[in-house]
Amino acid sequence: MLSPTSGSLRRGRVSRLLHWIGSPYFRYRHANLIHGLRVGLAVAMSIAVTTGIDVPHGVWATVSVLVVVGGLQHYGNIRKKAGERAIGTMLGAGFGLVLILAQTLTGSLMVFFVLMCVIAGGCAYYAIGKAGYVALLTGITMVIVSGHGDLPFTTGLWRTANVMIGVVIALAFSFVLPQYATYSWRYRLADNLRECAKIYGSLLDGTPLHAEETARRFFAMSQRLVQSRGLMESVSKETDVPIARLEEIQRLHRSILAALEMLVMSMPEVSGASPSRFAVACSPREYAVRQQLLQMARALRFGRVGLLYRTVDSQAAPQPCPDHGNETTQGMHWLAMRFVEQVERLRLRLSEIERQWNIEGARPLNG
């Protein structure tokens, strides 16, 4: 028999485990695993439903699950794609039933195939436009329901029913532990800002930056930058932040990486202009930007938006020495000031919309 103390400890462990699994950062780090489990459970449910009540042609419910939810990961995508997929599925099922009915009434396979080709051509025409996804899914569902003219009308109805069962199951599971694009966007930006702070800190500390290792670090940051770009539409839908605002943040993000890379490449290799002289000659603003980058990264990572408004401590920065205008370091300080300006602008842009992206401290995401 369990004692009250052991039972309380077990409940505490379970509570911590559930909190850990439900945390946004856990879902961000294990997004692929969670998505795979979600789709696997949805497929299992479709098999159980159609097999359990012996629905004819139940395999098409499973196919529909994979078509609908297979590529859905972020909540912002789900809200948009759910409507598109429902419309495309219903249109396709309707066209498929019309084709079967036309073939039944005319008894001509030629009529069936001509109509199918015309509808497929129409779907392809619209598939390269704004409604491309709806059109593509319409064509796919039409072929699933109608076959190649060898199916009776009742079979078409069953396939339509299975498609709709699959859509309902897929949409239900798509909202289980969804991965919010807003968190993914924030964490990637935070990782890049933290990495920028480390590299800039190496310049200030005089730590040698090896070309191969530095190139690898900048490549990783560029990858996160590109991934952030792909999330912007979903972030905009989740937070109601205008896409133009996010585009500006993306541009500043890119400018910061470019300025830092140029700063690293301009680092003199001769002993007469060592990295330590660059640090000593830095102005307080140049010196303190490392701390500002770290504060912005923490604000994005943990939702502590107060860090965006905190003044960085520049008292410990060495005062500029007389060789600040030395030809060997003058270009580096010009780049450093541009870097500081871009970081400050990014801080301002993030602070202006913090009520939208700071989900923990402001409001839940739009549902």
Protein backbone atom coordinates (compact mmCIF):
# COMPACT_ATOMS: atom_id res chain seq x y z
CA MET A 1 0.00 0.00 0.00
CA LEU A 2 1.39 3.38 -1.03
CA SER A 3 1.93 5.97 1.67
CA PRO A 4 0.45 9.47 1.24
CA THR A 5 3.99 10.82 0.82
CA SER A 6 4.91 8.45 -2.02
CA GLY A 7 1.60 9.12 -3.76
CA SER A 8 2.18 12.85 -3.54
CA LEU A 9 5.69 12.45 -4.96
CA ARG A 10 4.35 10.38 -7.86
CA ARG A 11 1.69 12.96 -8.64
CA GLY A 12 4.36 15.66 -8.50
CA ARG A 13 6.53 13.75 -11.00
CA VAL A 14 3.59 13.22 -13.33
CA SER A 15 2.67 16.90 -13.09
CA ARG A 16 6.25 17.96 -13.91
CA LEU A 17 6.38 15.50 -16.80
CA LEU A 18 3.13 16.83 -18.27
CA HIS A 19 4.34 20.41 -17.83
CA TRP A 20 7.62 19.53 -19.55
CA ILE A 21 5.89 17.83 -22.49
CA GLY A 22 3.46 20.72 -22.86
CA SER A 23 6.12 23.42 -22.73
CA PRO A 24 6.69 25.36 -25.97
CA TYR A 25 10.45 24.81 -25.89
CA PHE A 26 10.04 21.03 -25.64
CA ARG A 27 7.68 21.09 -28.63
CA TYR A 28 10.16 23.25 -30.52
CA ARG A 29 13.13 20.95 -29.80
CA HIS A 30 11.17 17.78 -30.59
CA ALA A 31 8.81 19.09 -33.28
CA ASN A 32 9.54 16.29 -35.77
CA LEU A 33 9.01 13.57 -33.17
CA ILE A 34 5.74 15.08 -31.94
CA HIS A 35 4.48 15.54 -35.49
CA GLY A 36 5.35 11.95 -36.34
CA LEU A 37 3.51 10.65 -33.28
CA ARG A 38 0.53 12.86 -34.06
CA VAL A 39 0.24 11.55 -37.62
CA GLY A 40 0.79 7.95 -36.50
CA LEU A 41 -2.02 8.21 -33.94
CA ALA A 42 -4.32 9.81 -36.52
CA VAL A 43 -3.66 6.95 -38.94
CA ALA A 44 -4.30 4.42 -36.16
CA MET A 45 -7.59 6.15 -35.37
CA SER A 46 -8.68 6.09 -39.02
CA ILE A 47 -7.90 2.38 -39.24
CA ALA A 48 -9.73 1.65 -36.00
CA VAL A 49 -12.84 3.62 -37.03
CA THR A 50 -13.18 2.22 -40.53
CA THR A 51 -12.19 -1.35 -39.62
CA GLY A 52 -14.13 -1.41 -36.38
CA ILE A 53 -17.47 -0.73 -38.08
CA ASP A 54 -16.42 -2.47 -41.31
CA VAL A 55 -16.71 0.58 -43.58
CA PRO A 56 -16.19 -0.40 -47.25
CA HIS A 57 -13.12 1.16 -48.93
CA GLY A 58 -11.88 2.36 -45.55
CA VAL A 59 -8.33 2.67 -46.89
CA TRP A 60 -9.27 6.04 -48.39
CA ALA A 61 -9.90 7.43 -44.91
CA THR A 62 -6.27 6.68 -44.06
CA VAL A 63 -5.11 8.21 -47.35
CA SER A 64 -7.08 11.35 -46.55
CA VAL A 65 -5.50 11.58 -43.10
CA LEU A 66 -2.03 11.55 -44.63
CA VAL A 67 -2.98 14.08 -47.32
CA VAL A 68 -4.57 16.48 -44.87
CA VAL A 69 -2.34 16.36 -41.79
CA GLY A 70 0.92 14.94 -43.13
CA GLY A 71 2.48 18.33 -43.86
CA LEU A 72 0.76 20.41 -41.18
CA GLN A 73 3.03 21.34 -38.30
CA HIS A 74 2.48 24.91 -37.17
CA TYR A 75 -0.76 26.20 -35.74
CA GLY A 76 -0.75 29.15 -38.14
CA ASN A 77 -0.64 26.72 -41.06
CA ILE A 78 -3.38 24.55 -39.64
CA ARG A 79 -5.94 27.32 -39.39
CA LYS A 80 -5.44 28.29 -43.03
CA LYS A 81 -4.90 24.86 -44.53
CA ALA A 82 -7.80 23.26 -42.66
CA GLY A 83 -10.31 25.39 -44.53
CA GLU A 84 -8.54 24.92 -47.86
CA ARG A 85 -8.37 21.16 -47.47
CA ALA A 86 -12.00 20.87 -46.43
CA ILE A 87 -13.10 22.91 -49.46
CA GLY A 88 -10.84 21.00 -51.84
CA THR A 89 -11.97 17.64 -50.49
CA MET A 90 -15.67 18.46 -50.79
CA LEU A 91 -15.28 19.88 -54.29
CA GLY A 92 -13.27 16.86 -55.41
CA ALA A 93 -15.80 14.44 -53.95
CA GLY A 94 -18.62 16.31 -55.66
CA PHE A 95 -16.87 16.23 -59.04
CA GLY A 96 -16.11 12.53 -58.58
CA LEU A 97 -19.77 11.72 -57.94
CA VAL A 98 -20.80 13.81 -60.95
CA LEU A 99 -18.39 11.84 -63.15
CA ILE A 100 -19.78 8.52 -61.93
CA LEU A 101 -23.33 9.75 -62.49
CA ALA A 102 -22.47 10.96 -66.00
CA GLN A 103 -20.92 7.61 -66.91
CA THR A 104 -23.92 5.75 -65.45
CA LEU A 105 -26.45 7.82 -67.38
CA THR A 106 -24.60 7.85 -70.72
CA GLY A 107 -22.96 4.43 -70.49
CA SER A 108 -19.94 5.94 -72.27
CA LEU A 109 -16.43 5.75 -70.87
CA MET A 110 -15.36 8.33 -73.44
CA VAL A 111 -17.70 10.90 -71.88
CA PHE A 112 -16.32 10.00 -68.45
CA PHE A 113 -12.69 10.41 -69.49
CA VAL A 114 -13.29 13.61 -71.44
CA LEU A 115 -15.05 15.19 -68.45
CA MET A 116 -12.32 13.98 -66.09
CA CYS A 117 -9.59 15.46 -68.29
CA VAL A 118 -11.45 18.77 -68.56
CA ILE A 119 -11.89 19.01 -64.78
CA ALA A 120 -8.27 17.96 -64.19
CA GLY A 121 -7.12 20.60 -66.65
CA GLY A 122 -9.19 23.21 -64.84
CA CYS A 123 -7.67 22.16 -61.51
CA ALA A 124 -4.17 22.43 -63.01
CA TYR A 125 -5.00 25.88 -64.38
CA TYR A 126 -5.86 27.16 -60.91
CA ALA A 127 -3.15 25.09 -59.18
CA ILE A 128 -0.49 27.64 -60.15
CA GLY A 129 -2.45 30.56 -58.71
CA LYS A 130 -3.46 31.77 -55.28
CA ALA A 131 -5.98 28.95 -54.80
CA GLY A 132 -3.44 26.36 -55.92
CA TYR A 133 -3.72 24.06 -52.93
CA VAL A 134 -7.53 23.86 -53.12
CA ALA A 135 -7.37 23.12 -56.83
CA LEU A 136 -4.74 20.40 -56.44
CA LEU A 137 -6.64 18.66 -53.65
CA THR A 138 -9.84 18.90 -55.69
CA GLY A 139 -8.24 16.96 -58.55
CA ILE A 140 -6.75 14.33 -56.23
CA THR A 141 -10.04 13.72 -54.40
CA MET A 142 -11.95 13.56 -57.70
CA VAL A 143 -9.77 10.67 -58.89
CA ILE A 144 -10.01 8.91 -55.51
CA VAL A 145 -13.82 9.03 -55.57
CA SER A 146 -14.48 8.31 -59.25
CA GLY A 147 -11.67 5.92 -60.15
CA HIS A 148 -11.37 5.29 -63.90
CA GLY A 149 -15.01 4.84 -64.72
CA ASP A 150 -15.27 1.34 -63.32
CA LEU A 151 -16.96 2.19 -60.03
CA PRO A 152 -20.69 2.17 -59.24
CA PHE A 153 -22.32 5.20 -57.69
CA THR A 154 -22.56 3.51 -54.26
CA THR A 155 -18.79 2.97 -54.26
CA GLY A 156 -18.29 6.65 -55.00
CA LEU A 157 -20.53 7.54 -52.07
CA TRP A 158 -18.58 5.24 -49.74
CA ARG A 159 -15.29 6.70 -50.88
CA THR A 160 -16.67 10.19 -50.33
CA ALA A 161 -17.75 9.21 -46.83
CA ASN A 162 -14.30 7.76 -46.10
CA VAL A 163 -12.59 10.87 -47.37
CA MET A 164 -14.69 13.02 -45.06
CA ILE A 165 -14.02 10.68 -42.11
CA GLY A 166 -10.30 11.02 -42.80
CA VAL A 167 -10.54 14.80 -42.97
CA VAL A 168 -12.36 15.02 -39.63
CA ILE A 169 -9.86 12.72 -37.89
CA ALA A 170 -6.90 14.57 -39.40
CA LEU A 171 -8.13 17.98 -38.34
CA ALA A 172 -8.92 16.72 -34.84
CA PHE A 173 -5.38 15.38 -34.38
CA SER A 174 -3.76 18.41 -35.99
CA PHE A 175 -4.62 20.45 -32.89
CA VAL A 176 -3.03 17.97 -30.46
CA LEU A 177 0.14 19.59 -29.04
CA PRO A 178 0.46 21.95 -32.01
CA GLN A 179 3.80 23.60 -32.73
CA TYR A 180 3.29 27.35 -32.77
CA ALA A 181 5.30 29.10 -35.46
CA THR A 182 5.68 32.10 -33.15
CA TYR A 183 7.79 30.11 -30.71
CA SER A 184 9.93 28.61 -33.47
CA TRP A 185 10.49 32.09 -34.90
CA ARG A 186 11.41 33.51 -31.48
CA TYR A 187 13.77 30.68 -30.53
CA ARG A 188 15.63 30.82 -33.85
CA LEU A 189 16.07 34.58 -33.58
CA ALA A 190 17.20 34.20 -29.96
CA ASP A 191 19.75 31.54 -30.93
CA ASN A 192 21.19 33.81 -33.61
CA LEU A 193 21.41 36.82 -31.32
CA ARG A 194 23.13 34.74 -28.67
CA GLU A 195 25.61 33.43 -31.24
CA CYS A 196 26.24 36.98 -32.47
CA ALA A 197 26.99 38.01 -28.89
CA LYS A 198 29.54 35.18 -28.58
CA ILE A 199 31.31 36.09 -31.82
CA TYR A 200 31.34 39.80 -31.03
CA GLY A 201 32.60 38.98 -27.56
CA SER A 202 35.50 37.10 -29.13
CA LEU A 203 36.41 40.26 -31.04
CA LEU A 204 36.38 42.27 -27.81
CA ASP A 205 38.30 39.67 -25.81
CA GLY A 206 40.92 39.16 -28.49
CA THR A 207 40.03 35.47 -28.86
CA PRO A 208 41.31 34.11 -32.20
CA LEU A 209 38.53 33.24 -34.65
CA HIS A 210 39.49 30.31 -36.86
CA ALA A 211 38.20 30.67 -40.40
CA GLU A 212 36.72 27.18 -40.73
CA GLU A 213 34.91 27.27 -37.38
CA THR A 214 33.66 30.81 -37.98
CA ALA A 215 32.32 29.85 -41.41
CA ARG A 216 30.46 26.92 -39.85
CA ARG A 217 28.89 29.20 -37.22
CA PHE A 218 27.78 31.76 -39.79
CA PHE A 219 26.35 29.00 -41.97
CA ALA A 220 24.25 27.75 -39.04
CA MET A 221 22.98 31.27 -38.39
CA SER A 222 22.14 31.72 -42.08
CA GLN A 223 20.15 28.48 -41.97
CA ARG A 224 18.14 29.74 -39.01
CA LEU A 225 17.59 33.03 -40.84
CA VAL A 226 16.14 31.22 -43.86
CA GLN A 227 13.97 29.03 -41.63
CA SER A 228 12.64 32.13 -39.85
CA ARG A 229 11.69 33.60 -43.21
CA GLY A 230 9.52 30.57 -43.96
CA LEU A 231 7.67 30.97 -40.65
CA MET A 232 6.63 34.58 -41.07
CA GLU A 233 3.24 34.00 -42.69
CA SER A 234 2.21 31.60 -39.92
CA VAL A 235 3.57 33.96 -37.23
CA SER A 236 1.52 36.78 -38.69
CA LYS A 237 -1.65 34.66 -38.55
CA GLU A 238 -0.99 33.54 -34.99
CA THR A 239 -0.15 36.95 -33.55
CA ASP A 240 -1.97 39.42 -35.85
CA VAL A 241 1.33 41.23 -36.42
CA PRO A 242 1.29 42.71 -39.96
CA ILE A 243 3.59 40.88 -42.32
CA ALA A 244 5.31 44.18 -43.15
CA ARG A 245 6.47 44.48 -39.51
CA LEU A 246 7.89 40.97 -39.61
CA GLU A 247 9.60 41.71 -42.93
CA GLU A 248 11.35 44.67 -41.32
CA ILE A 249 12.52 42.52 -38.42
CA GLN A 250 13.74 39.92 -40.90
CA ARG A 251 15.68 42.58 -42.81
CA LEU A 252 17.33 43.83 -39.61
CA HIS A 253 18.11 40.24 -38.63
CA ARG A 254 19.85 39.73 -41.97
CA SER A 255 21.70 43.07 -41.71
CA ILE A 256 23.07 42.20 -38.27
CA LEU A 257 24.51 38.93 -39.54
CA ALA A 258 26.01 40.63 -42.59
CA ALA A 259 27.58 43.45 -40.55
CA LEU A 260 29.06 41.01 -38.03
CA GLU A 261 30.49 38.82 -40.77
CA MET A 262 32.12 41.83 -42.42
CA LEU A 263 33.46 42.89 -39.03
CA VAL A 264 35.05 39.47 -38.50
CA MET A 265 36.51 39.44 -42.01
CA SER A 266 38.04 42.88 -41.50
CA MET A 267 39.86 41.78 -38.36
CA PRO A 268 43.55 42.56 -38.97
CA GLU A 269 45.87 39.57 -38.77
CA VAL A 270 49.10 41.47 -38.31
CA SER A 271 50.49 41.81 -34.82
CA GLY A 272 50.62 45.59 -35.06
CA ALA A 273 46.82 45.82 -34.95
CA SER A 274 45.71 43.07 -32.64
CA PRO A 275 42.08 42.44 -31.69
CA SER A 276 42.76 43.80 -28.20
CA ARG A 277 43.44 47.25 -29.63
CA PHE A 278 40.03 47.14 -31.30
CA ALA A 279 38.40 46.39 -27.92
CA VAL A 280 40.31 49.12 -26.08
CA ALA A 281 39.42 51.67 -28.75
CA CYS A 282 35.71 50.80 -28.74
CA SER A 283 33.23 53.41 -27.62
CA PRO A 284 30.90 52.49 -24.70
CA ARG A 285 28.08 51.79 -27.18
CA GLU A 286 30.24 49.44 -29.23
CA TYR A 287 31.45 47.65 -26.14
CA ALA A 288 28.01 47.27 -24.53
CA VAL A 289 26.23 45.86 -27.58
CA ARG A 290 27.25 42.32 -26.55
CA GLN A 291 25.19 42.66 -23.38
CA GLN A 292 22.29 44.10 -25.37
CA LEU A 293 22.33 41.11 -27.73
CA LEU A 294 22.20 38.71 -24.79
CA GLN A 295 19.32 40.60 -23.19
CA MET A 296 17.32 40.49 -26.43
CA ALA A 297 18.01 36.76 -26.74
CA ARG A 298 16.76 36.15 -23.20
CA ALA A 299 13.66 38.27 -23.81
CA LEU A 300 12.79 36.18 -26.87
CA ARG A 301 13.66 32.85 -25.27
CA PHE A 302 11.87 33.32 -21.93
CA GLY A 303 9.34 36.07 -22.74
CA ARG A 304 11.06 38.49 -20.31
CA VAL A 305 10.25 41.58 -22.33
CA GLY A 306 11.51 43.90 -19.58
CA LEU A 307 15.01 43.10 -20.86
CA LEU A 308 14.16 44.90 -24.10
CA TYR A 309 13.77 48.16 -22.19
CA ARG A 310 16.69 47.77 -19.80
CA THR A 311 19.67 50.05 -20.41
CA VAL A 312 22.85 48.08 -20.94
CA ASP A 313 25.74 48.71 -18.58
CA SER A 314 28.47 50.53 -20.47
CA GLN A 315 30.39 51.72 -17.41
CA ALA A 316 32.85 48.83 -17.64
CA ALA A 317 33.75 49.65 -21.23
CA PRO A 318 37.26 51.02 -21.67
CA GLN A 319 37.49 54.60 -22.80
CA PRO A 320 38.53 55.21 -26.40
CA CYS A 321 42.27 55.55 -26.75
CA PRO A 322 44.01 58.01 -29.09
CA ASP A 323 44.45 55.43 -31.87
CA HIS A 324 40.67 55.07 -32.45
CA GLY A 325 41.22 56.71 -35.81
CA ASN A 326 44.18 54.52 -36.72
CA GLU A 327 43.89 53.41 -40.36
CA THR A 328 44.14 49.73 -39.46
CA THR A 329 41.13 49.85 -37.11
CA GLN A 330 39.12 52.77 -38.47
CA GLY A 331 37.14 50.57 -40.86
CA MET A 332 36.36 48.09 -38.11
CA HIS A 333 34.93 50.79 -35.86
CA TRP A 334 32.80 52.15 -38.69
CA LEU A 335 31.40 48.62 -39.19
CA ALA A 336 30.95 48.24 -35.43
CA MET A 337 28.86 51.40 -35.25
CA ARG A 338 26.66 50.19 -38.10
CA PHE A 339 26.30 46.88 -36.23
CA VAL A 340 25.28 48.74 -33.07
CA GLU A 341 22.69 50.76 -35.00
CA GLN A 342 21.11 47.62 -36.51
CA VAL A 343 20.94 45.93 -33.12
CA GLU A 344 19.26 48.98 -31.59
CA ARG A 345 16.70 49.14 -34.39
CA LEU A 346 15.90 45.47 -33.96
CA ARG A 347 15.40 46.02 -30.23
CA LEU A 348 12.95 48.84 -30.95
CA ARG A 349 11.00 46.80 -33.50
CA LEU A 350 10.69 43.87 -31.10
CA SER A 351 9.62 46.11 -28.23
CA GLU A 352 6.90 47.70 -30.39
CA ILE A 353 5.14 44.36 -30.95
CA GLU A 354 6.06 42.55 -27.74
CA ARG A 355 2.41 42.31 -26.66
CA GLN A 356 1.74 40.11 -29.67
CA TRP A 357 4.75 37.79 -29.61
CA ASN A 358 5.11 37.66 -25.84
CA ILE A 359 2.44 35.01 -25.47
CA GLU A 360 3.41 34.09 -21.91
CA GLY A 361 2.92 37.59 -20.52
CA ALA A 362 0.21 39.05 -22.76
CA ARG A 363 -2.56 36.83 -24.07
CA PRO A 364 -3.09 33.39 -25.63
CA LEU A 365 -2.67 32.87 -29.34
CA ASN A 366 -5.68 33.51 -31.50
CA GLY A 367 -7.76 30.39 -31.90
